[in-house]
PDB file of N, CA and C in Angstrom:
ATOM      1  N   MET A   1       0.826  -1.178   0.000  1.00  0.00           N
ATOM      2  CA  MET A   1       0.000   0.000   0.000  1.00  0.00           C
ATOM      3  C   MET A   1       0.879   1.255   0.000  1.00  0.00           C
ATOM      4  N   ALA A   2       1.935   1.223   0.786  1.00  0.00           N
ATOM      5  CA  ALA A   2       2.822   2.381   0.844  1.00  0.00           C
ATOM      6  C   ALA A   2       3.523   2.609  -0.495  1.00  0.00           C
ATOM      7  N   ILE A   3       3.943   1.524  -1.145  1.00  0.00           N
ATOM      8  CA  ILE A   3       4.616   1.681  -2.441  1.00  0.00           C
ATOM      9  C   ILE A   3       3.652   2.240  -3.479  1.00  0.00           C
ATOM     10  N   ALA A   4       2.407   1.748  -3.499  1.00  0.00           N
ATOM     11  CA  ALA A   4       1.428   2.247  -4.456  1.00  0.00           C
ATOM     12  C   ALA A   4       1.047   3.693  -4.159  1.00  0.00           C
ATOM     13  N   THR A   5       1.098   4.078  -2.891  1.00  0.00           N
ATOM     14  CA  THR A   5       0.736   5.441  -2.515  1.00  0.00           C
ATOM     15  C   THR A   5       1.864   6.430  -2.754  1.00  0.00           C
ATOM     16  N   PHE A   6       3.054   6.101  -2.264  1.00  0.00           N
ATOM     17  CA  PHE A   6       4.157   7.057  -2.305  1.00  0.00           C
ATOM     18  C   PHE A   6       5.129   6.844  -3.462  1.00  0.00           C
ATOM     19  N   GLY A   7       5.074   5.671  -4.107  1.00  0.00           N
ATOM     20  CA  GLY A   7       5.964   5.398  -5.229  1.00  0.00           C
ATOM     21  C   GLY A   7       5.858   6.401  -6.356  1.00  0.00           C
ATOM     22  N   PRO A   8       4.641   6.733  -6.818  1.00  0.00           N
ATOM     23  CA  PRO A   8       4.532   7.684  -7.932  1.00  0.00           C
ATOM     24  C   PRO A   8       5.124   9.060  -7.616  1.00  0.00           C
ATOM     25  N   LYS A   9       5.083   9.451  -6.371  1.00  0.00           N
ATOM     26  CA  LYS A   9       5.565  10.780  -6.000  1.00  0.00           C
ATOM     27  C   LYS A   9       7.064  10.801  -5.698  1.00  0.00           C
ATOM     28  N   TYR A  10       7.544   9.760  -5.006  1.00  0.00           N
ATOM     29  CA  TYR A  10       8.917   9.812  -4.519  1.00  0.00           C
ATOM     30  C   TYR A  10       9.892   8.872  -5.221  1.00  0.00           C
ATOM     31  N   ILE A  11       9.401   7.842  -5.924  1.00  0.00           N
ATOM     32  CA  ILE A  11      10.317   6.855  -6.498  1.00  0.00           C
ATOM     33  C   ILE A  11      10.354   6.925  -8.021  1.00  0.00           C
ATOM     34  N   TRP A  12       9.180   6.834  -8.677  1.00  0.00           N
ATOM     35  CA  TRP A  12       9.208   6.749 -10.136  1.00  0.00           C
ATOM     36  C   TRP A  12       8.551   7.927 -10.844  1.00  0.00           C
ATOM     37  N   ASP A  13       8.371   9.010 -10.197  1.00  0.00           N
ATOM     38  CA  ASP A  13       7.987  10.282 -10.817  1.00  0.00           C
ATOM     39  C   ASP A  13       6.749  10.157 -11.718  1.00  0.00           C
ATOM     40  N   ASP A  14       5.641   9.685 -11.165  1.00  0.00           N
ATOM     41  CA  ASP A  14       4.340   9.602 -11.838  1.00  0.00           C
ATOM     42  C   ASP A  14       4.333   8.769 -13.123  1.00  0.00           C
ATOM     43  N   HIS A  15       5.122   7.726 -13.182  1.00  0.00           N
ATOM     44  CA  HIS A  15       5.110   6.825 -14.327  1.00  0.00           C
ATOM     45  C   HIS A  15       3.856   5.960 -14.225  1.00  0.00           C
ATOM     46  N   THR A  16       2.944   6.070 -15.193  1.00  0.00           N
ATOM     47  CA  THR A  16       1.631   5.433 -15.115  1.00  0.00           C
ATOM     48  C   THR A  16       1.709   3.917 -15.051  1.00  0.00           C
ATOM     49  N   LEU A  17       2.533   3.313 -15.867  1.00  0.00           N
ATOM     50  CA  LEU A  17       2.635   1.851 -15.900  1.00  0.00           C
ATOM     51  C   LEU A  17       3.107   1.297 -14.554  1.00  0.00           C
ATOM     52  N   LEU A  18       4.095   1.921 -13.954  1.00  0.00           N
ATOM     53  CA  LEU A  18       4.580   1.461 -12.656  1.00  0.00           C
ATOM     54  C   LEU A  18       3.534   1.667 -11.562  1.00  0.00           C
ATOM     55  N   THR A  19       2.774   2.748 -11.656  1.00  0.00           N
ATOM     56  CA  THR A  19       1.716   2.999 -10.682  1.00  0.00           C
ATOM     57  C   THR A  19       0.618   1.950 -10.794  1.00  0.00           C
ATOM     58  N   VAL A  20       0.207   1.637 -12.018  1.00  0.00           N
ATOM     59  CA  VAL A  20      -0.808   0.606 -12.231  1.00  0.00           C
ATOM     60  C   VAL A  20      -0.297  -0.744 -11.734  1.00  0.00           C
ATOM     61  N   LEU A  21       0.945  -1.052 -12.021  1.00  0.00           N
ATOM     62  CA  LEU A  21       1.542  -2.305 -11.564  1.00  0.00           C
ATOM     63  C   LEU A  21       1.552  -2.382 -10.030  1.00  0.00           C
ATOM     64  N   ALA A  22       1.886  -1.288  -9.372  1.00  0.00           N
ATOM     65  CA  ALA A  22       1.906  -1.272  -7.906  1.00  0.00           C
ATOM     66  C   ALA A  22       0.501  -1.469  -7.338  1.00  0.00           C
ATOM     67  N   VAL A  23      -0.502  -0.871  -7.960  1.00  0.00           N
ATOM     68  CA  VAL A  23      -1.884  -1.035  -7.505  1.00  0.00           C
ATOM     69  C   VAL A  23      -2.346  -2.474  -7.731  1.00  0.00           C
ATOM     70  N   VAL A  24      -2.004  -3.072  -8.860  1.00  0.00           N
ATOM     71  CA  VAL A  24      -2.386  -4.459  -9.150  1.00  0.00           C
ATOM     72  C   VAL A  24      -1.708  -5.411  -8.163  1.00  0.00           C
ATOM     73  N   VAL A  25      -0.431  -5.188  -7.868  1.00  0.00           N
ATOM     74  CA  VAL A  25       0.262  -6.014  -6.878  1.00  0.00           C
ATOM     75  C   VAL A  25      -0.420  -5.878  -5.522  1.00  0.00           C
ATOM     76  N   ASN A  26      -0.828  -4.672  -5.159  1.00  0.00           N
ATOM     77  CA  ASN A  26      -1.534  -4.449  -3.900  1.00  0.00           C
ATOM     78  C   ASN A  26      -2.874  -5.178  -3.886  1.00  0.00           C
ATOM     79  N   LEU A  27      -3.591  -5.167  -4.996  1.00  0.00           N
ATOM     80  CA  LEU A  27      -4.872  -5.862  -5.107  1.00  0.00           C
ATOM     81  C   LEU A  27      -4.686  -7.379  -4.982  1.00  0.00           C
ATOM     82  N   ILE A  28      -3.702  -7.917  -5.673  1.00  0.00           N
ATOM     83  CA  ILE A  28      -3.429  -9.356  -5.599  1.00  0.00           C
ATOM     84  C   ILE A  28      -3.025  -9.749  -4.178  1.00  0.00           C
ATOM     85  N   ASN A  29      -2.216  -8.931  -3.542  1.00  0.00           N
ATOM     86  CA  ASN A  29      -1.820  -9.185  -2.162  1.00  0.00           C
ATOM     87  C   ASN A  29      -3.048  -9.205  -1.245  1.00  0.00           C
ATOM     88  N   GLY A  30      -3.992  -8.298  -1.464  1.00  0.00           N
ATOM     89  CA  GLY A  30      -5.218  -8.270  -0.680  1.00  0.00           C
ATOM     90  C   GLY A  30      -6.056  -9.524  -0.871  1.00  0.00           C
ATOM     91  N   ILE A  31      -6.167  -9.992  -2.103  1.00  0.00           N
ATOM     92  CA  ILE A  31      -6.914 -11.217  -2.384  1.00  0.00           C
ATOM     93  C   ILE A  31      -6.255 -12.413  -1.712  1.00  0.00           C
ATOM     94  N   LEU A  32      -4.940 -12.504  -1.798  1.00  0.00           N
ATOM     95  CA  LEU A  32      -4.221 -13.600  -1.135  1.00  0.00           C
ATOM     96  C   LEU A  32      -4.379 -13.528   0.383  1.00  0.00           C
ATOM     97  N   MET A  33      -4.436 -12.329   0.922  1.00  0.00           N
ATOM     98  CA  MET A  33      -4.638 -12.168   2.361  1.00  0.00           C
ATOM     99  C   MET A  33      -6.031 -12.658   2.770  1.00  0.00           C
ATOM    100  N   ILE A  34      -7.035 -12.377   1.965  1.00  0.00           N
ATOM    101  CA  ILE A  34      -8.392 -12.858   2.238  1.00  0.00           C
ATOM    102  C   ILE A  34      -8.431 -14.383   2.216  1.00  0.00           C
ATOM    103  N   LEU A  35      -7.792 -14.993   1.224  1.00  0.00           N
ATOM    104  CA  LEU A  35      -7.760 -16.452   1.138  1.00  0.00           C
ATOM    105  C   LEU A  35      -7.020 -17.074   2.321  1.00  0.00           C
ATOM    106  N   ALA A  36      -5.931 -16.449   2.743  1.00  0.00           N
ATOM    107  CA  ALA A  36      -5.190 -16.953   3.906  1.00  0.00           C
ATOM    108  C   ALA A  36      -6.044 -16.836   5.172  1.00  0.00           C
ATOM    109  N   ASN A  37      -6.787 -15.748   5.289  1.00  0.00           N
ATOM    110  CA  ASN A  37      -7.674 -15.562   6.437  1.00  0.00           C
ATOM    111  C   ASN A  37      -8.784 -16.610   6.437  1.00  0.00           C
ATOM    112  N   ARG A  38      -9.307 -16.932   5.268  1.00  0.00           N
ATOM    113  CA  ARG A  38     -10.338 -17.968   5.142  1.00  0.00           C
ATOM    114  C   ARG A  38      -9.784 -19.321   5.582  1.00  0.00           C
ATOM    115  N   ASN A  39      -8.582 -19.649   5.150  1.00  0.00           N
ATOM    116  CA  ASN A  39      -7.953 -20.905   5.567  1.00  0.00           C
ATOM    117  C   ASN A  39      -7.749 -20.952   7.075  1.00  0.00           C
ATOM    118  N   LEU A  40      -7.364 -19.820   7.659  1.00  0.00           N
ATOM    119  CA  LEU A  40      -7.197 -19.751   9.106  1.00  0.00           C
ATOM    120  C   LEU A  40      -8.522 -20.028   9.812  1.00  0.00           C
ATOM    121  N   PHE A  41      -9.598 -19.408   9.347  1.00  0.00           N
ATOM    122  CA  PHE A  41     -10.902 -19.600   9.967  1.00  0.00           C
ATOM    123  C   PHE A  41     -11.393 -21.033   9.812  1.00  0.00           C
ATOM    124  N   ASN A  42     -11.032 -21.697   8.730  1.00  0.00           N
ATOM    125  CA  ASN A  42     -11.411 -23.096   8.550  1.00  0.00           C
ATOM    126  C   ASN A  42     -10.706 -24.020   9.536  1.00  0.00           C
ATOM    127  N   ASP A  43      -9.575 -23.584  10.085  1.00  0.00           N
ATOM    128  CA  ASP A  43      -8.844 -24.380  11.066  1.00  0.00           C
ATOM    129  C   ASP A  43      -9.288 -24.119  12.506  1.00  0.00           C
ATOM    130  N   PHE A  44     -10.157 -23.114  12.706  1.00  0.00           N
ATOM    131  CA  PHE A  44     -10.634 -22.803  14.051  1.00  0.00           C
ATOM    132  C   PHE A  44     -11.596 -23.867  14.547  1.00  0.00           C
ATOM    133  N   ASP A  45     -11.656 -24.025  15.873  1.00  0.00           N
ATOM    134  CA  ASP A  45     -12.683 -24.894  16.440  1.00  0.00           C
ATOM    135  C   ASP A  45     -14.004 -24.111  16.524  1.00  0.00           C
ATOM    136  N   GLU A  46     -15.048 -24.761  17.012  1.00  0.00           N
ATOM    137  CA  GLU A  46     -16.383 -24.138  17.007  1.00  0.00           C
ATOM    138  C   GLU A  46     -16.441 -22.870  17.846  1.00  0.00           C
ATOM    139  N   LEU A  47     -15.792 -22.860  18.985  1.00  0.00           N
ATOM    140  CA  LEU A  47     -15.834 -21.686  19.851  1.00  0.00           C
ATOM    141  C   LEU A  47     -15.110 -20.500  19.217  1.00  0.00           C
ATOM    142  N   GLU A  48     -13.926 -20.754  18.654  1.00  0.00           N
ATOM    143  CA  GLU A  48     -13.191 -19.676  17.985  1.00  0.00           C
ATOM    144  C   GLU A  48     -13.986 -19.118  16.815  1.00  0.00           C
ATOM    145  N   ARG A  49     -14.624 -19.991  16.047  1.00  0.00           N
ATOM    146  CA  ARG A  49     -15.459 -19.526  14.940  1.00  0.00           C
ATOM    147  C   ARG A  49     -16.599 -18.661  15.435  1.00  0.00           C
ATOM    148  N   LYS A  50     -17.250 -19.085  16.527  1.00  0.00           N
ATOM    149  CA  LYS A  50     -18.362 -18.317  17.083  1.00  0.00           C
ATOM    150  C   LYS A  50     -17.889 -16.937  17.539  1.00  0.00           C
ATOM    151  N   ILE A  51     -16.762 -16.890  18.219  1.00  0.00           N
ATOM    152  CA  ILE A  51     -16.219 -15.623  18.696  1.00  0.00           C
ATOM    153  C   ILE A  51     -15.927 -14.685  17.526  1.00  0.00           C
ATOM    154  N   HIS A  52     -15.243 -15.199  16.513  1.00  0.00           N
ATOM    155  CA  HIS A  52     -14.866 -14.360  15.367  1.00  0.00           C
ATOM    156  C   HIS A  52     -16.064 -13.997  14.505  1.00  0.00           C
ATOM    157  N   LEU A  53     -16.986 -14.918  14.310  1.00  0.00           N
ATOM    158  CA  LEU A  53     -18.161 -14.621  13.497  1.00  0.00           C
ATOM    159  C   LEU A  53     -19.007 -13.521  14.138  1.00  0.00           C
ATOM    160  N   GLU A  54     -19.219 -13.633  15.441  1.00  0.00           N
ATOM    161  CA  GLU A  54     -19.986 -12.599  16.125  1.00  0.00           C
ATOM    162  C   GLU A  54     -19.250 -11.263  16.106  1.00  0.00           C
ATOM    163  N   SER A  55     -17.951 -11.307  16.287  1.00  0.00           N
ATOM    164  CA  SER A  55     -17.150 -10.082  16.259  1.00  0.00           C
ATOM    165  C   SER A  55     -17.182  -9.425  14.879  1.00  0.00           C
ATOM    166  N   MET A  56     -17.084 -10.253  13.826  1.00  0.00           N
ATOM    167  CA  MET A  56     -17.142  -9.706  12.470  1.00  0.00           C
ATOM    168  C   MET A  56     -18.514  -9.125  12.164  1.00  0.00           C
ATOM    169  N   ALA A  57     -19.577  -9.784  12.643  1.00  0.00           N
ATOM    170  CA  ALA A  57     -20.929  -9.277  12.407  1.00  0.00           C
ATOM    171  C   ALA A  57     -21.125  -7.923  13.087  1.00  0.00           C
ATOM    172  N   LEU A  58     -20.690  -7.810  14.333  1.00  0.00           N
ATOM    173  CA  LEU A  58     -20.807  -6.534  15.041  1.00  0.00           C
ATOM    174  C   LEU A  58     -19.953  -5.449  14.391  1.00  0.00           C
ATOM    175  N   THR A  59     -18.767  -5.828  13.945  1.00  0.00           N
ATOM    176  CA  THR A  59     -17.880  -4.869  13.297  1.00  0.00           C
ATOM    177  C   THR A  59     -18.454  -4.400  11.965  1.00  0.00           C
ATOM    178  N   LEU A  60     -18.978  -5.323  11.173  1.00  0.00           N
ATOM    179  CA  LEU A  60     -19.566  -4.942   9.886  1.00  0.00           C
ATOM    180  C   LEU A  60     -20.760  -4.021  10.078  1.00  0.00           C
ATOM    181  N   GLY A  61     -21.651  -4.378  10.979  1.00  0.00           N
ATOM    182  CA  GLY A  61     -22.815  -3.538  11.234  1.00  0.00           C
ATOM    183  C   GLY A  61     -22.422  -2.159  11.724  1.00  0.00           C
ATOM    184  N   SER A  62     -21.481  -2.115  12.647  1.00  0.00           N
ATOM    185  CA  SER A  62     -21.011  -0.826  13.172  1.00  0.00           C
ATOM    186  C   SER A  62     -20.337   0.002  12.080  1.00  0.00           C
ATOM    187  N   ALA A  63     -19.554  -0.650  11.230  1.00  0.00           N
ATOM    188  CA  ALA A  63     -18.853   0.064  10.158  1.00  0.00           C
ATOM    189  C   ALA A  63     -19.834   0.674   9.165  1.00  0.00           C
ATOM    190  N   VAL A  64     -20.890  -0.053   8.848  1.00  0.00           N
ATOM    191  CA  VAL A  64     -21.896   0.486   7.918  1.00  0.00           C
ATOM    192  C   VAL A  64     -22.587   1.694   8.540  1.00  0.00           C
ATOM    193  N   VAL A  65     -23.045   1.551   9.784  1.00  0.00           N
ATOM    194  CA  VAL A  65     -23.760   2.647  10.446  1.00  0.00           C
ATOM    195  C   VAL A  65     -22.853   3.858  10.637  1.00  0.00           C
ATOM    196  N   VAL A  66     -21.658   3.634  11.180  1.00  0.00           N
ATOM    197  CA  VAL A  66     -20.736   4.743  11.427  1.00  0.00           C
ATOM    198  C   VAL A  66     -20.245   5.342  10.111  1.00  0.00           C
ATOM    199  N   GLY A  67     -19.934   4.493   9.131  1.00  0.00           N
ATOM    200  CA  GLY A  67     -19.461   4.997   7.836  1.00  0.00           C
ATOM    201  C   GLY A  67     -20.489   5.853   7.121  1.00  0.00           C
ATOM    202  N   LEU A  68     -21.730   5.402   7.106  1.00  0.00           N
ATOM    203  CA  LEU A  68     -22.778   6.196   6.461  1.00  0.00           C
ATOM    204  C   LEU A  68     -23.038   7.496   7.218  1.00  0.00           C
ATOM    205  N   SER A  69     -23.026   7.430   8.535  1.00  0.00           N
ATOM    206  CA  SER A  69     -23.223   8.648   9.335  1.00  0.00           C
ATOM    207  C   SER A  69     -22.075   9.624   9.133  1.00  0.00           C
ATOM    208  N   TYR A  70     -20.861   9.102   9.072  1.00  0.00           N
ATOM    209  CA  TYR A  70     -19.674   9.930   8.856  1.00  0.00           C
ATOM    210  C   TYR A  70     -19.743  10.616   7.485  1.00  0.00           C
ATOM    211  N   THR A  71     -20.146   9.875   6.473  1.00  0.00           N
ATOM    212  CA  THR A  71     -20.297  10.454   5.142  1.00  0.00           C
ATOM    213  C   THR A  71     -21.384  11.511   5.125  1.00  0.00           C
ATOM    214  N   LEU A  72     -22.466  11.238   5.819  1.00  0.00           N
ATOM    215  CA  LEU A  72     -23.565  12.201   5.893  1.00  0.00           C
ATOM    216  C   LEU A  72     -23.121  13.484   6.585  1.00  0.00           C
ATOM    217  N   LEU A  73     -22.322  13.362   7.633  1.00  0.00           N
ATOM    218  CA  LEU A  73     -21.786  14.555   8.287  1.00  0.00           C
ATOM    219  C   LEU A  73     -20.945  15.380   7.321  1.00  0.00           C
ATOM    220  N   ASP A  74     -20.205  14.702   6.457  1.00  0.00           N
ATOM    221  CA  ASP A  74     -19.372  15.402   5.478  1.00  0.00           C
ATOM    222  C   ASP A  74     -20.217  16.055   4.389  1.00  0.00           C
ATOM    223  N   THR A  75     -21.184  15.342   3.849  1.00  0.00           N
ATOM    224  CA  THR A  75     -21.985  15.901   2.746  1.00  0.00           C
ATOM    225  C   THR A  75     -22.898  17.035   3.198  1.00  0.00           C
ATOM    226  N   THR A  76     -23.286  17.037   4.465  1.00  0.00           N
ATOM    227  CA  THR A  76     -24.117  18.133   4.982  1.00  0.00           C
ATOM    228  C   THR A  76     -23.273  19.240   5.597  1.00  0.00           C
ATOM    229  N   ASN A  77     -21.951  19.116   5.490  1.00  0.00           N
ATOM    230  CA  ASN A  77     -20.992  20.106   5.992  1.00  0.00           C
ATOM    231  C   ASN A  77     -21.113  20.358   7.493  1.00  0.00           C
ATOM    232  N   LEU A  78     -21.461  19.326   8.242  1.00  0.00           N
ATOM    233  CA  LEU A  78     -21.497  19.452   9.696  1.00  0.00           C
ATOM    234  C   LEU A  78     -20.115  19.248  10.308  1.00  0.00           C
ATOM    235  N   ILE A  79     -19.185  18.696   9.531  1.00  0.00           N
ATOM    236  CA  ILE A  79     -17.792  18.622   9.953  1.00  0.00           C
ATOM    237  C   ILE A  79     -16.967  19.416   8.946  1.00  0.00           C
ATOM    238  N   LYS A  80     -15.921  20.035   9.424  1.00  0.00           N
ATOM    239  CA  LYS A  80     -15.134  20.931   8.563  1.00  0.00           C
ATOM    240  C   LYS A  80     -14.192  20.190   7.617  1.00  0.00           C
ATOM    241  N   HIS A  81     -13.764  18.990   7.990  1.00  0.00           N
ATOM    242  CA  HIS A  81     -12.821  18.239   7.162  1.00  0.00           C
ATOM    243  C   HIS A  81     -13.571  17.233   6.283  1.00  0.00           C
ATOM    244  N   ASP A  82     -12.882  16.719   5.280  1.00  0.00           N
ATOM    245  CA  ASP A  82     -13.460  15.703   4.404  1.00  0.00           C
ATOM    246  C   ASP A  82     -13.459  14.352   5.103  1.00  0.00           C
ATOM    247  N   ALA A  83     -14.486  13.567   4.856  1.00  0.00           N
ATOM    248  CA  ALA A  83     -14.544  12.204   5.388  1.00  0.00           C
ATOM    249  C   ALA A  83     -13.512  11.358   4.643  1.00  0.00           C
ATOM    250  N   GLU A  84     -12.589  10.785   5.358  1.00  0.00           N
ATOM    251  CA  GLU A  84     -11.517   9.985   4.769  1.00  0.00           C
ATOM    252  C   GLU A  84     -11.749   8.509   5.085  1.00  0.00           C
ATOM    253  N   ILE A  85     -11.511   7.654   4.115  1.00  0.00           N
ATOM    254  CA  ILE A  85     -11.698   6.218   4.298  1.00  0.00           C
ATOM    255  C   ILE A  85     -10.732   5.671   5.346  1.00  0.00           C
ATOM    256  N   SER A  86      -9.577   6.296   5.493  1.00  0.00           N
ATOM    257  CA  SER A  86      -8.610   5.816   6.482  1.00  0.00           C
ATOM    258  C   SER A  86      -9.177   5.882   7.898  1.00  0.00           C
ATOM    259  N   ASN A  87     -10.015   6.868   8.174  1.00  0.00           N
ATOM    260  CA  ASN A  87     -10.646   6.950   9.491  1.00  0.00           C
ATOM    261  C   ASN A  87     -11.598   5.775   9.709  1.00  0.00           C
ATOM    262  N   LEU A  88     -12.325   5.398   8.675  1.00  0.00           N
ATOM    263  CA  LEU A  88     -13.237   4.263   8.783  1.00  0.00           C
ATOM    264  C   LEU A  88     -12.463   2.948   8.937  1.00  0.00           C
ATOM    265  N   VAL A  89     -11.362   2.800   8.224  1.00  0.00           N
ATOM    266  CA  VAL A  89     -10.531   1.596   8.350  1.00  0.00           C
ATOM    267  C   VAL A  89      -9.974   1.489   9.770  1.00  0.00           C
ATOM    268  N   LEU A  90      -9.539   2.597  10.323  1.00  0.00           N
ATOM    269  CA  LEU A  90      -9.060   2.609  11.705  1.00  0.00           C
ATOM    270  C   LEU A  90     -10.179   2.220  12.657  1.00  0.00           C
ATOM    271  N   PHE A  91     -11.379   2.759  12.450  1.00  0.00           N
ATOM    272  CA  PHE A  91     -12.522   2.413  13.287  1.00  0.00           C
ATOM    273  C   PHE A  91     -12.811   0.916  13.210  1.00  0.00           C
ATOM    274  N   ILE A  92     -12.773   0.349  12.009  1.00  0.00           N
ATOM    275  CA  ILE A  92     -13.048  -1.080  11.831  1.00  0.00           C
ATOM    276  C   ILE A  92     -12.030  -1.918  12.609  1.00  0.00           C
ATOM    277  N   GLY A  93     -10.760  -1.582  12.506  1.00  0.00           N
ATOM    278  CA  GLY A  93      -9.728  -2.326  13.212  1.00  0.00           C
ATOM    279  C   GLY A  93      -9.898  -2.272  14.724  1.00  0.00           C
ATOM    280  N   VAL A  94     -10.165  -1.082  15.243  1.00  0.00           N
ATOM    281  CA  VAL A  94     -10.345  -0.930  16.692  1.00  0.00           C
ATOM    282  C   VAL A  94     -11.607  -1.646  17.147  1.00  0.00           C
ATOM    283  N   MET A  95     -12.684  -1.532  16.379  1.00  0.00           N
ATOM    284  CA  MET A  95     -13.951  -2.178  16.736  1.00  0.00           C
ATOM    285  C   MET A  95     -13.797  -3.703  16.752  1.00  0.00           C
ATOM    286  N   TYR A  96     -13.107  -4.260  15.773  1.00  0.00           N
ATOM    287  CA  TYR A  96     -12.894  -5.703  15.727  1.00  0.00           C
ATOM    288  C   TYR A  96     -12.062  -6.163  16.921  1.00  0.00           C
ATOM    289  N   LEU A  97     -11.030  -5.419  17.250  1.00  0.00           N
ATOM    290  CA  LEU A  97     -10.193  -5.751  18.407  1.00  0.00           C
ATOM    291  C   LEU A  97     -11.016  -5.740  19.697  1.00  0.00           C
ATOM    292  N   ILE A  98     -11.850  -4.730  19.861  1.00  0.00           N
ATOM    293  CA  ILE A  98     -12.704  -4.653  21.051  1.00  0.00           C
ATOM    294  C   ILE A  98     -13.682  -5.824  21.085  1.00  0.00           C
ATOM    295  N   CYS A  99     -14.311  -6.113  19.958  1.00  0.00           N
ATOM    296  CA  CYS A  99     -15.280  -7.214  19.907  1.00  0.00           C
ATOM    297  C   CYS A  99     -14.623  -8.561  20.190  1.00  0.00           C
ATOM    298  N   ILE A 100     -13.451  -8.802  19.638  1.00  0.00           N
ATOM    299  CA  ILE A 100     -12.732 -10.054  19.897  1.00  0.00           C
ATOM    300  C   ILE A 100     -12.416 -10.169  21.386  1.00  0.00           C
ATOM    301  N   THR A 101     -11.945  -9.081  21.984  1.00  0.00           N
ATOM    302  CA  THR A 101     -11.596  -9.096  23.402  1.00  0.00           C
ATOM    303  C   THR A 101     -12.823  -9.370  24.269  1.00  0.00           C
ATOM    304  N   VAL A 102     -13.911  -8.660  24.006  1.00  0.00           N
ATOM    305  CA  VAL A 102     -15.131  -8.832  24.800  1.00  0.00           C
ATOM    306  C   VAL A 102     -15.707 -10.235  24.612  1.00  0.00           C
ATOM    307  N   ASN A 103     -15.779 -10.700  23.375  1.00  0.00           N
ATOM    308  CA  ASN A 103     -16.347 -12.031  23.116  1.00  0.00           C
ATOM    309  C   ASN A 103     -15.479 -13.151  23.677  1.00  0.00           C
ATOM    310  N   THR A 104     -14.171 -12.996  23.643  1.00  0.00           N
ATOM    311  CA  THR A 104     -13.282 -14.004  24.206  1.00  0.00           C
ATOM    312  C   THR A 104     -13.482 -14.097  25.718  1.00  0.00           C
ATOM    313  N   ARG A 105     -13.593 -12.969  26.363  1.00  0.00           N
ATOM    314  CA  ARG A 105     -13.838 -12.982  27.816  1.00  0.00           C
ATOM    315  C   ARG A 105     -15.198 -13.532  28.138  1.00  0.00           C
ATOM    316  N   ARG A 106     -16.176 -13.247  27.291  1.00  0.00           N
ATOM    317  CA  ARG A 106     -17.547 -13.695  27.546  1.00  0.00           C
ATOM    318  C   ARG A 106     -17.696 -15.204  27.379  1.00  0.00           C
ATOM    319  N   TYR A 107     -17.046 -15.787  26.383  1.00  0.00           N
ATOM    320  CA  TYR A 107     -17.238 -17.195  26.078  1.00  0.00           C
ATOM    321  C   TYR A 107     -16.213 -18.134  26.699  1.00  0.00           C
ATOM    322  N   THR A 108     -15.138 -17.589  27.291  1.00  0.00           N
ATOM    323  CA  THR A 108     -14.139 -18.475  27.896  1.00  0.00           C
ATOM    324  C   THR A 108     -14.021 -18.255  29.384  1.00  0.00           C
TER     325      THR A 108
END
């Protein structure tokens, strides 16, 4: 992600082919990461699956509600800055961590 973001500006001086290649490599890496995560979940026992499934469901629901509300705040100019996807990604990561922690304590 860093190479695709900063490469065009600092490494290869806005060369389109290299930028597209960096984005494609990032996309392929993301797909492989999803497949590796799926394999990991297939190796979990029933309790681990329940903990993660519930955590993912709560995180997805929260991300949709918070993301749409955040966008609405931006489009109605109730916040001075632009709504950035990085803020939502950070929220998703923190929310998942909290849900995993709470669910692990609850079920074990």
